[in-house]
Amino acid sequence: MKILVPIKRVVDYNVKVRPKADGSDVDLANVKMAMNPFCEIAVEEAIRLKEASADTGVTIDEIVVVSIGPSKSQEQIRAAMAIGADRGILVETDDNLEPLALAKCLLKIYQDEAPGLVIFGKQSIDGDNNQTGQMFAALAGLAQATFASELKLSEQGVEVTREIDGGLQTLAMALPAVVTTDLRLNEPRYAALPNIMKAKRKPLAKITLEALGLECSPRVKTLEVAAPAARTAGVRVNSVDELVDKLVNEAKVV
């Protein structure tokens, strides 16, 4: 069986992003980029499933990672290979595609690769849309389980535990299926130096967006990007009476 893992290149989560001076977009000049943290969890889970294949009775032959983005997304694909992915696919585009366009592109890759399981990160930390995995599952006509906190693979299919408001929900699905990962699923490993060197020799195919023959024109237009309003400093009060007075007369929240 083959596992397909879509990944995304995003601004590193430790970086404080700033808008451009003209307010047209986020300023990405000289900003550190990284693999989306939820995508890292998805890659890690695919590797763990492959490592445990002897116990589950399900043989996983290959883990394929795919990214849709600029040429520099190769860095994130190589990073996924360094922790255990076997092969990479890059759909090159300089456009910032919306979730539906991403899902359509991934559908083409899915049809070519025919994996038994597709594991997404539940969302990217730049757009925070939390839509691509669900849209892909709908387009592909596959069963889906979102926000997985535990995943078990067997010859009968996949069993996913997910957190809901009332507790835990367990879903059983036949393969092929789609799973999106939550933070509690696992903790991604660090890549060892020998594996980083080996990753440079692993196959990475490049495809242009035009070669997929898809219409990916944006449906949403960014009007302005601005930093949030600065918060004013708090004030200290000397008594409960003074606090109540300020809440009533100044903040007017009581």
Foldseek 3Di string as FASTA:
>chain_A
DEEEQEKEKDFPPVDDWAADPVQQGIDPPPTDIEIFPLSLLQLQVVQVCCVCCVVQVHHYDFYEYEYEEAPVCVVHRLQSQLQPHFEYEYAHDHDPFDLLLVLLVVLLVCVVVVDFEYEYAQAGPPPRPSPNQVNNCVVNVAAEDEAFLEWDQHPQAIWTWHADPVGIDIDGGHIPHYYHYHPNNDDRDGGDPVSSVVSVVHYYHYHYPVVSVDDGDDPDHDPGHHDDDDDDDDDDDDDPVVVVVCCCPPVVPD
